[in-house]
C-alpha atoms as a PDB file:
ATOM      1  CA  MET A   1       7.099 -17.846  20.920  1.00  0.00           C
ATOM      2  CA  LYS A   2       7.831 -14.119  20.970  1.00  0.00           C
ATOM      3  CA  ASN A   3       4.988 -11.674  21.517  1.00  0.00           C
ATOM      4  CA  GLU A   4       4.308  -8.568  19.434  1.00  0.00           C
ATOM      5  CA  LEU A   5       6.432  -6.232  21.548  1.00  0.00           C
ATOM      6  CA  GLU A   6       9.438  -8.543  21.523  1.00  0.00           C
ATOM      7  CA  VAL A   7       9.192  -8.916  17.755  1.00  0.00           C
ATOM      8  CA  ALA A   8       8.717  -5.180  17.223  1.00  0.00           C
ATOM      9  CA  VAL A   9      11.750  -4.354  19.366  1.00  0.00           C
ATOM     10  CA  GLU A  10      13.889  -6.853  17.467  1.00  0.00           C
ATOM     11  CA  ALA A  11      12.610  -5.468  14.170  1.00  0.00           C
ATOM     12  CA  ALA A  12      13.400  -1.894  15.188  1.00  0.00           C
ATOM     13  CA  ARG A  13      16.947  -2.770  16.222  1.00  0.00           C
ATOM     14  CA  GLU A  14      17.620  -4.655  12.987  1.00  0.00           C
ATOM     15  CA  ALA A  15      16.156  -1.833  10.896  1.00  0.00           C
ATOM     16  CA  GLY A  16      18.366   0.508  12.890  1.00  0.00           C
ATOM     17  CA  LYS A  17      21.411  -1.334  11.590  1.00  0.00           C
ATOM     18  CA  ILE A  18      20.238  -0.657   8.036  1.00  0.00           C
ATOM     19  CA  LEU A  19      19.787   3.054   8.687  1.00  0.00           C
ATOM     20  CA  SER A  20      23.084   3.327  10.565  1.00  0.00           C
ATOM     21  CA  LYS A  21      24.937   1.742   7.657  1.00  0.00           C
ATOM     22  CA  TYR A  22      23.775   4.453   5.272  1.00  0.00           C
ATOM     23  CA  PHE A  23      23.973   7.263   7.829  1.00  0.00           C
ATOM     24  CA  SER A  24      27.650   6.570   8.494  1.00  0.00           C
ATOM     25  CA  ASN A  25      28.794   6.505   4.859  1.00  0.00           C
ATOM     26  CA  SER A  26      26.205   8.733   3.111  1.00  0.00           C
ATOM     27  CA  GLU A  27      26.278   6.413   0.087  1.00  0.00           C
ATOM     28  CA  TYR A  28      22.620   6.430  -0.889  1.00  0.00           C
ATOM     29  CA  TRP A  29      20.364   8.076  -3.444  1.00  0.00           C
ATOM     30  CA  VAL A  30      17.810  10.720  -2.566  1.00  0.00           C
ATOM     31  CA  LYS A  31      14.708  11.683  -4.515  1.00  0.00           C
ATOM     32  CA  GLU A  32      11.632  13.820  -3.926  1.00  0.00           C
ATOM     33  CA  LYS A  33       8.328  11.974  -3.462  1.00  0.00           C
ATOM     34  CA  SER A  34       6.626  15.362  -3.428  1.00  0.00           C
ATOM     35  CA  HIS A  35       7.614  18.939  -2.669  1.00  0.00           C
ATOM     36  CA  ALA A  36       9.916  19.053   0.387  1.00  0.00           C
ATOM     37  CA  ASN A  37       9.257  15.350   1.000  1.00  0.00           C
ATOM     38  CA  PRO A  38      12.472  13.420   0.301  1.00  0.00           C
ATOM     39  CA  VAL A  39      12.979   9.672   0.367  1.00  0.00           C
ATOM     40  CA  THR A  40      16.217   7.668   0.319  1.00  0.00           C
ATOM     41  CA  LYS A  41      17.417   4.179  -0.423  1.00  0.00           C
ATOM     42  CA  ALA A  42      17.628   3.697   3.345  1.00  0.00           C
ATOM     43  CA  ASP A  43      13.875   4.377   3.730  1.00  0.00           C
ATOM     44  CA  TYR A  44      12.973   1.695   1.214  1.00  0.00           C
ATOM     45  CA  GLU A  45      15.448  -0.903   2.436  1.00  0.00           C
ATOM     46  CA  ALA A  46      14.343  -0.522   6.052  1.00  0.00           C
ATOM     47  CA  ASP A  47      10.689  -0.618   5.014  1.00  0.00           C
ATOM     48  CA  SER A  48      11.165  -3.822   3.028  1.00  0.00           C
ATOM     49  CA  PHE A  49      12.885  -5.490   5.970  1.00  0.00           C
ATOM     50  CA  LEU A  50      10.271  -4.385   8.510  1.00  0.00           C
ATOM     51  CA  LYS A  51       7.332  -5.513   6.417  1.00  0.00           C
ATOM     52  CA  SER A  52       8.878  -8.924   5.783  1.00  0.00           C
ATOM     53  CA  PHE A  53       9.975  -9.417   9.397  1.00  0.00           C
ATOM     54  CA  LEU A  54       6.763  -8.307  11.112  1.00  0.00           C
ATOM     55  CA  LEU A  55       4.381 -10.054   8.720  1.00  0.00           C
ATOM     56  CA  ASP A  56       6.436 -13.248   8.775  1.00  0.00           C
ATOM     57  CA  HIS A  57       5.814 -13.372  12.524  1.00  0.00           C
ATOM     58  CA  PHE A  58       2.196 -12.197  12.320  1.00  0.00           C
ATOM     59  CA  PRO A  59       0.918 -13.041   8.822  1.00  0.00           C
ATOM     60  CA  ASN A  60      -2.722 -12.274   9.619  1.00  0.00           C
ATOM     61  CA  TYR A  61      -2.054  -8.670  10.606  1.00  0.00           C
ATOM     62  CA  GLY A  62      -2.585  -5.684   8.336  1.00  0.00           C
ATOM     63  CA  TRP A  63       0.141  -3.334   7.132  1.00  0.00           C
ATOM     64  CA  LEU A  64       0.266   0.448   6.691  1.00  0.00           C
ATOM     65  CA  SER A  65       3.594   2.131   6.023  1.00  0.00           C
ATOM     66  CA  GLU A  66       4.859   5.371   4.567  1.00  0.00           C
ATOM     67  CA  GLU A  67       6.942   3.595   1.937  1.00  0.00           C
ATOM     68  CA  THR A  68       4.590   0.754   0.940  1.00  0.00           C
ATOM     69  CA  LYS A  69       1.765   1.198  -1.562  1.00  0.00           C
ATOM     70  CA  ASP A  70      -1.434   1.150   0.452  1.00  0.00           C
ATOM     71  CA  SER A  71      -3.705  -1.891   0.309  1.00  0.00           C
ATOM     72  CA  ARG A  72      -7.330  -1.844   1.443  1.00  0.00           C
ATOM     73  CA  GLU A  73      -6.808  -5.354   2.781  1.00  0.00           C
ATOM     74  CA  ARG A  74      -5.666  -3.731   6.033  1.00  0.00           C
ATOM     75  CA  LEU A  75      -9.237  -2.516   6.565  1.00  0.00           C
ATOM     76  CA  THR A  76     -10.363  -6.129   6.999  1.00  0.00           C
ATOM     77  CA  LYS A  77      -7.852  -6.814   9.783  1.00  0.00           C
ATOM     78  CA  LYS A  78      -8.429  -6.584  13.515  1.00  0.00           C
ATOM     79  CA  TYR A  79      -4.733  -5.821  14.047  1.00  0.00           C
ATOM     80  CA  THR A  80      -2.619  -3.595  11.796  1.00  0.00           C
ATOM     81  CA  TRP A  81       1.017  -2.569  11.974  1.00  0.00           C
ATOM     82  CA  ILE A  82       1.465   1.154  11.293  1.00  0.00           C
ATOM     83  CA  VAL A  83       5.100   1.871  10.521  1.00  0.00           C
ATOM     84  CA  ASP A  84       7.475   4.617   9.476  1.00  0.00           C
ATOM     85  CA  PRO A  85      10.822   2.999   8.614  1.00  0.00           C
ATOM     86  CA  LEU A  86      12.648   6.338   8.767  1.00  0.00           C
ATOM     87  CA  ASP A  87      10.823   9.195  10.424  1.00  0.00           C
ATOM     88  CA  GLY A  88      13.010  12.251  10.020  1.00  0.00           C
ATOM     89  CA  THR A  89      14.415  11.718   6.528  1.00  0.00           C
ATOM     90  CA  LYS A  90      15.435  15.384   6.289  1.00  0.00           C
ATOM     91  CA  GLU A  91      17.469  15.058   9.491  1.00  0.00           C
ATOM     92  CA  PHE A  92      18.972  11.802   8.206  1.00  0.00           C
ATOM     93  CA  ILE A  93      20.091  13.482   4.975  1.00  0.00           C
ATOM     94  CA  SER A  94      21.451  16.486   6.896  1.00  0.00           C
ATOM     95  CA  GLY A  95      23.542  14.281   9.177  1.00  0.00           C
ATOM     96  CA  LEU A  96      21.515  15.049  12.308  1.00  0.00           C
ATOM     97  CA  PRO A  97      21.010  12.046  14.648  1.00  0.00           C
ATOM     98  CA  GLU A  98      17.359  12.960  15.212  1.00  0.00           C
ATOM     99  CA  PHE A  99      15.605  10.316  13.106  1.00  0.00           C
ATOM    100  CA  VAL A 100      13.876   7.145  14.278  1.00  0.00           C
ATOM    101  CA  ILE A 101      12.163   3.921  13.306  1.00  0.00           C
ATOM    102  CA  SER A 102       8.533   4.072  14.447  1.00  0.00           C
ATOM    103  CA  ILE A 103       6.461   0.895  14.876  1.00  0.00           C
ATOM    104  CA  GLY A 104       2.886   1.015  16.120  1.00  0.00           C
ATOM    105  CA  LEU A 105       0.247  -1.697  16.373  1.00  0.00           C
ATOM    106  CA  VAL A 106      -3.473  -0.941  16.448  1.00  0.00           C
ATOM    107  CA  GLU A 107      -6.454  -3.083  17.384  1.00  0.00           C
ATOM    108  CA  ASP A 108      -9.680  -1.948  15.733  1.00  0.00           C
ATOM    109  CA  GLY A 109      -8.170   1.484  15.162  1.00  0.00           C
ATOM    110  CA  LYS A 110      -6.759   1.984  18.678  1.00  0.00           C
ATOM    111  CA  PRO A 111      -2.997   1.870  19.407  1.00  0.00           C
ATOM    112  CA  ILE A 112      -1.954  -0.989  21.683  1.00  0.00           C
ATOM    113  CA  LEU A 113       1.835  -1.004  21.234  1.00  0.00           C
ATOM    114  CA  GLY A 114       4.569   1.479  20.430  1.00  0.00           C
ATOM    115  CA  VAL A 115       8.271   1.154  19.648  1.00  0.00           C
ATOM    116  CA  ILE A 116      10.437   4.114  18.631  1.00  0.00           C
ATOM    117  CA  PHE A 117      14.175   3.604  18.117  1.00  0.00           C
ATOM    118  CA  ASN A 118      16.943   6.113  17.475  1.00  0.00           C
ATOM    119  CA  PRO A 119      19.813   3.910  16.272  1.00  0.00           C
ATOM    120  CA  VAL A 120      22.534   6.571  16.436  1.00  0.00           C
ATOM    121  CA  ARG A 121      21.834   7.487  20.051  1.00  0.00           C
ATOM    122  CA  ASN A 122      20.769   3.930  20.928  1.00  0.00           C
ATOM    123  CA  GLU A 123      17.524   5.189  22.450  1.00  0.00           C
ATOM    124  CA  LEU A 124      14.747   2.608  22.522  1.00  0.00           C
ATOM    125  CA  PHE A 125      11.329   3.828  23.662  1.00  0.00           C
ATOM    126  CA  PHE A 126       8.792   1.015  24.013  1.00  0.00           C
ATOM    127  CA  SER A 127       5.614  -0.145  25.699  1.00  0.00           C
ATOM    128  CA  GLU A 128       2.547  -2.353  25.318  1.00  0.00           C
ATOM    129  CA  LEU A 129      -0.875  -2.484  26.948  1.00  0.00           C
ATOM    130  CA  GLY A 130      -0.710  -2.747  30.711  1.00  0.00           C
ATOM    131  CA  LYS A 131       3.011  -1.971  30.944  1.00  0.00           C
ATOM    132  CA  ILE A 132       4.946   1.096  32.077  1.00  0.00           C
ATOM    133  CA  PRO A 133       6.818   2.580  29.105  1.00  0.00           C
ATOM    134  CA  LYS A 134      10.587   2.583  29.123  1.00  0.00           C
ATOM    135  CA  LEU A 135      13.512   4.367  27.538  1.00  0.00           C
ATOM    136  CA  ASN A 136      16.016   1.535  27.382  1.00  0.00           C
ATOM    137  CA  ASP A 137      15.983   0.254  30.993  1.00  0.00           C
ATOM    138  CA  ARG A 138      14.465   3.366  32.590  1.00  0.00           C
ATOM    139  CA  GLU A 139      10.758   3.789  33.283  1.00  0.00           C
ATOM    140  CA  ILE A 140       9.414   7.033  31.853  1.00  0.00           C
ATOM    141  CA  SER A 141       6.441   9.348  32.277  1.00  0.00           C
ATOM    142  CA  VAL A 142       5.194  12.692  31.021  1.00  0.00           C
ATOM    143  CA  THR A 143       5.758  15.796  33.146  1.00  0.00           C
ATOM    144  CA  ASN A 144       3.086  17.142  35.468  1.00  0.00           C
ATOM    145  CA  ALA A 145       3.251  20.661  34.012  1.00  0.00           C
ATOM    146  CA  GLU A 146       0.022  22.650  33.988  1.00  0.00           C
ATOM    147  CA  SER A 147       0.761  26.237  32.971  1.00  0.00           C
ATOM    148  CA  ILE A 148       1.635  26.874  29.323  1.00  0.00           C
ATOM    149  CA  SER A 149       3.466  30.067  30.314  1.00  0.00           C
ATOM    150  CA  ASN A 150       6.001  27.914  32.188  1.00  0.00           C
ATOM    151  CA  ALA A 151       6.048  25.091  29.661  1.00  0.00           C
ATOM    152  CA  VAL A 152       8.859  23.773  27.501  1.00  0.00           C
ATOM    153  CA  ILE A 153       7.320  22.971  24.121  1.00  0.00           C
ATOM    154  CA  MET A 154       8.609  20.852  21.257  1.00  0.00           C
ATOM    155  CA  ALA A 155       7.666  22.227  17.854  1.00  0.00           C
ATOM    156  CA  SER A 156       8.702  21.777  14.242  1.00  0.00           C
ATOM    157  CA  ARG A 157      11.670  23.746  12.915  1.00  0.00           C
ATOM    158  CA  THR A 158       9.862  23.979   9.580  1.00  0.00           C
ATOM    159  CA  GLU A 159       6.633  25.283  11.101  1.00  0.00           C
ATOM    160  CA  ILE A 160       8.586  27.922  13.018  1.00  0.00           C
ATOM    161  CA  ALA A 161      10.621  28.922   9.939  1.00  0.00           C
ATOM    162  CA  ASN A 162       7.401  29.274   7.926  1.00  0.00           C
ATOM    163  CA  GLY A 163       5.943  31.657  10.484  1.00  0.00           C
ATOM    164  CA  LEU A 164       3.134  29.400  11.700  1.00  0.00           C
ATOM    165  CA  TRP A 165       4.146  29.879  15.321  1.00  0.00           C
ATOM    166  CA  GLU A 166       4.300  33.677  15.372  1.00  0.00           C
ATOM    167  CA  PRO A 167       0.869  34.047  17.082  1.00  0.00           C
ATOM    168  CA  TYR A 168       1.947  31.644  19.839  1.00  0.00           C
ATOM    169  CA  ARG A 169       5.651  32.333  20.433  1.00  0.00           C
ATOM    170  CA  LYS A 170       5.126  34.409  23.594  1.00  0.00           C
ATOM    171  CA  LEU A 171       2.686  31.977  25.187  1.00  0.00           C
ATOM    172  CA  PHE A 172       5.295  29.341  26.056  1.00  0.00           C
ATOM    173  CA  LYS A 173       8.397  29.589  28.210  1.00  0.00           C
ATOM    174  CA  LYS A 174      10.788  27.854  25.824  1.00  0.00           C
ATOM    175  CA  PHE A 175      10.793  26.201  22.394  1.00  0.00           C
ATOM    176  CA  VAL A 176      13.038  23.184  21.751  1.00  0.00           C
ATOM    177  CA  HIS A 177      13.561  20.972  18.709  1.00  0.00           C
ATOM    178  CA  CYS A 178      14.477  17.323  18.299  1.00  0.00           C
ATOM    179  CA  GLY A 179      13.940  16.220  14.737  1.00  0.00           C
ATOM    180  CA  SER A 180      11.142  13.963  13.613  1.00  0.00           C
ATOM    181  CA  VAL A 181       7.525  13.914  14.797  1.00  0.00           C
ATOM    182  CA  ALA A 182       7.815  10.433  16.305  1.00  0.00           C
ATOM    183  CA  TYR A 183      11.032  11.407  18.101  1.00  0.00           C
ATOM    184  CA  LYS A 184       9.330  14.472  19.575  1.00  0.00           C
ATOM    185  CA  LEU A 185       6.457  12.344  20.863  1.00  0.00           C
ATOM    186  CA  ALA A 186       8.877   9.830  22.380  1.00  0.00           C
ATOM    187  CA  ASN A 187      10.707  12.625  24.170  1.00  0.00           C
ATOM    188  CA  ILE A 188       7.453  14.023  25.526  1.00  0.00           C
ATOM    189  CA  ALA A 189       6.612  10.540  26.840  1.00  0.00           C
ATOM    190  CA  ALA A 190      10.035  10.507  28.507  1.00  0.00           C
ATOM    191  CA  GLY A 191       9.446  13.859  30.203  1.00  0.00           C
ATOM    192  CA  ASN A 192      12.154  15.697  28.258  1.00  0.00           C
ATOM    193  CA  ALA A 193       9.718  18.543  27.526  1.00  0.00           C
ATOM    194  CA  ASP A 194       6.209  19.358  28.671  1.00  0.00           C
ATOM    195  CA  ILE A 195       4.158  19.476  25.491  1.00  0.00           C
ATOM    196  CA  MET A 196       4.410  18.815  21.761  1.00  0.00           C
ATOM    197  CA  VAL A 197       2.234  20.643  19.250  1.00  0.00           C
ATOM    198  CA  SER A 198       2.140  20.374  15.479  1.00  0.00           C
ATOM    199  CA  LEU A 199       0.038  22.869  13.554  1.00  0.00           C
ATOM    200  CA  ARG A 200       0.067  20.892  10.300  1.00  0.00           C
ATOM    201  CA  PRO A 201      -1.641  17.595   9.312  1.00  0.00           C
ATOM    202  CA  LYS A 202       0.218  14.399  10.157  1.00  0.00           C
ATOM    203  CA  HIS A 203       0.115  10.897   8.702  1.00  0.00           C
ATOM    204  CA  GLU A 204      -0.794   7.953  10.888  1.00  0.00           C
ATOM    205  CA  TRP A 205       2.656   6.400  10.542  1.00  0.00           C
ATOM    206  CA  ASP A 206       4.206   9.605  11.957  1.00  0.00           C
ATOM    207  CA  ILE A 207       2.264   9.467  15.205  1.00  0.00           C
ATOM    208  CA  CYS A 208       0.822   6.014  15.962  1.00  0.00           C
ATOM    209  CA  ALA A 209       3.670   4.577  18.048  1.00  0.00           C
ATOM    210  CA  GLY A 210       4.255   7.903  19.766  1.00  0.00           C
ATOM    211  CA  HIS A 211       0.562   8.227  20.574  1.00  0.00           C
ATOM    212  CA  PHE A 212       0.631   4.935  22.428  1.00  0.00           C
ATOM    213  CA  LEU A 213       3.824   5.853  24.308  1.00  0.00           C
ATOM    214  CA  ILE A 214       2.294   9.172  25.382  1.00  0.00           C
ATOM    215  CA  GLU A 215      -0.809   7.472  26.781  1.00  0.00           C
ATOM    216  CA  SER A 216       1.237   4.722  28.457  1.00  0.00           C
ATOM    217  CA  ALA A 217       3.346   7.437  30.102  1.00  0.00           C
ATOM    218  CA  GLY A 218       0.267   9.041  31.662  1.00  0.00           C
ATOM    219  CA  GLY A 219      -0.355  11.637  28.980  1.00  0.00           C
ATOM    220  CA  VAL A 220      -2.926  12.379  26.322  1.00  0.00           C
ATOM    221  CA  MET A 221      -2.775  13.107  22.623  1.00  0.00           C
ATOM    222  CA  LYS A 222      -5.518  14.772  20.600  1.00  0.00           C
ATOM    223  CA  ARG A 223      -6.117  16.501  17.340  1.00  0.00           C
ATOM    224  CA  ILE A 224      -5.524  20.209  17.760  1.00  0.00           C
ATOM    225  CA  ASP A 225      -9.290  20.759  17.626  1.00  0.00           C
ATOM    226  CA  GLY A 226      -9.649  18.478  20.663  1.00  0.00           C
ATOM    227  CA  GLU A 227     -11.062  15.482  18.801  1.00  0.00           C
ATOM    228  CA  ASN A 228      -9.787  11.931  19.306  1.00  0.00           C
ATOM    229  CA  ILE A 229      -7.592  10.204  16.723  1.00  0.00           C
ATOM    230  CA  LYS A 230      -8.605   6.890  15.147  1.00  0.00           C
ATOM    231  CA  TYR A 231      -6.108   4.807  13.184  1.00  0.00           C
ATOM    232  CA  ASN A 232      -6.223   2.497  10.175  1.00  0.00           C
ATOM    233  CA  SER A 233      -8.647   4.922   8.556  1.00  0.00           C
ATOM    234  CA  GLU A 234     -10.334   4.027   5.298  1.00  0.00           C
ATOM    235  CA  ILE A 235     -10.028   7.012   2.998  1.00  0.00           C
ATOM    236  CA  LEU A 236      -6.812   8.814   3.880  1.00  0.00           C
ATOM    237  CA  PRO A 237      -4.386   7.535   6.514  1.00  0.00           C
ATOM    238  CA  ARG A 238      -3.611  10.910   8.031  1.00  0.00           C
ATOM    239  CA  VAL A 239      -4.829  13.336  10.667  1.00  0.00           C
ATOM    240  CA  ASP A 240      -6.140  16.368   8.794  1.00  0.00           C
ATOM    241  CA  LYS A 241      -5.632  18.644  11.769  1.00  0.00           C
ATOM    242  CA  GLY A 242      -2.511  19.221  13.792  1.00  0.00           C
ATOM    243  CA  ILE A 243      -1.849  17.305  16.996  1.00  0.00           C
ATOM    244  CA  ILE A 244      -1.157  18.119  20.627  1.00  0.00           C
ATOM    245  CA  ALA A 245       0.426  15.790  23.207  1.00  0.00           C
ATOM    246  CA  GLY A 246       1.617  15.966  26.796  1.00  0.00           C
ATOM    247  CA  GLY A 247       0.368  15.616  30.334  1.00  0.00           C
ATOM    248  CA  PRO A 248      -3.416  15.845  30.754  1.00  0.00           C
ATOM    249  CA  PHE A 249      -3.448  19.219  32.534  1.00  0.00           C
ATOM    250  CA  ILE A 250      -1.212  21.119  30.152  1.00  0.00           C
ATOM    251  CA  VAL A 251      -2.920  19.633  27.090  1.00  0.00           C
ATOM    252  CA  SER A 252      -6.283  20.705  28.477  1.00  0.00           C
ATOM    253  CA  ASN A 253      -5.022  24.255  29.035  1.00  0.00           C
ATOM    254  CA  ALA A 254      -3.272  24.499  25.667  1.00  0.00           C
ATOM    255  CA  LEU A 255      -6.317  23.213  23.811  1.00  0.00           C
ATOM    256  CA  LYS A 256      -8.250  26.252  25.023  1.00  0.00           C
ATOM    257  CA  VAL A 257      -5.872  28.381  22.955  1.00  0.00           C
ATOM    258  CA  PHE A 258      -5.662  26.250  19.835  1.00  0.00           C
ATOM    259  CA  LYS A 259      -9.333  25.210  19.684  1.00  0.00           C
ATOM    260  CA  LYS A 260     -10.300  28.882  19.814  1.00  0.00           C
ATOM    261  CA  ASP A 261      -8.148  29.570  16.741  1.00  0.00           C
ATOM    262  CA  GLU A 262      -9.601  26.559  14.909  1.00  0.00           C
ATOM    263  CA  LYS A 263     -13.068  28.097  14.924  1.00  0.00           C
END
């Protein structure tokens, strides 16, 4: 019998085939769920597959997904899948290969498994409790950076374009971009940049799998006010503050800047 990680990896790869099919031919509809928040046929088809596949294997687990109507039944479950079937829909629509499937599993609100898969680049980031995280066959870890003035930071193109980063642009050595929130977190876990910061609220399905990968890779992830993040929340499944993730030393130093501005 396959365990949760094996099933989640298989699910991510199969969902990746669905996304790749639409990405390669662009034959799908697009609509706006809300302002600047598009959704496509690919989102819904991948979501339907993932929910069926994961709950068929683990029928007693809860379910929370961006594209599934929320059910309070998940609040009664010890284990809950928290899933984004297509994180980076804007990149997907624009033809940028910077979108991923994100699958997290929480136990009593704490992440215990993370799988993030970029099907175009065939990058599979994965880990479970007690295991070293991997990118495909390679073990990964966060960087040991400490100084923010020498740090490479991953930040949102949209946040930068909207001017949110103007007070902080000179504090970091270099800004880089890589699409979706989950993909940024996976790349931080893999040591491809030193720190990831988002100044805007994030939903649980954006960050759950990445949160676990960051911690498995020796890093930490917090709300931007320094508070811990709890998942499978009752009222609103999102983090009302921004987030910060990276190695423990650089996160500690960066929090001194961002916590000050939160006051």
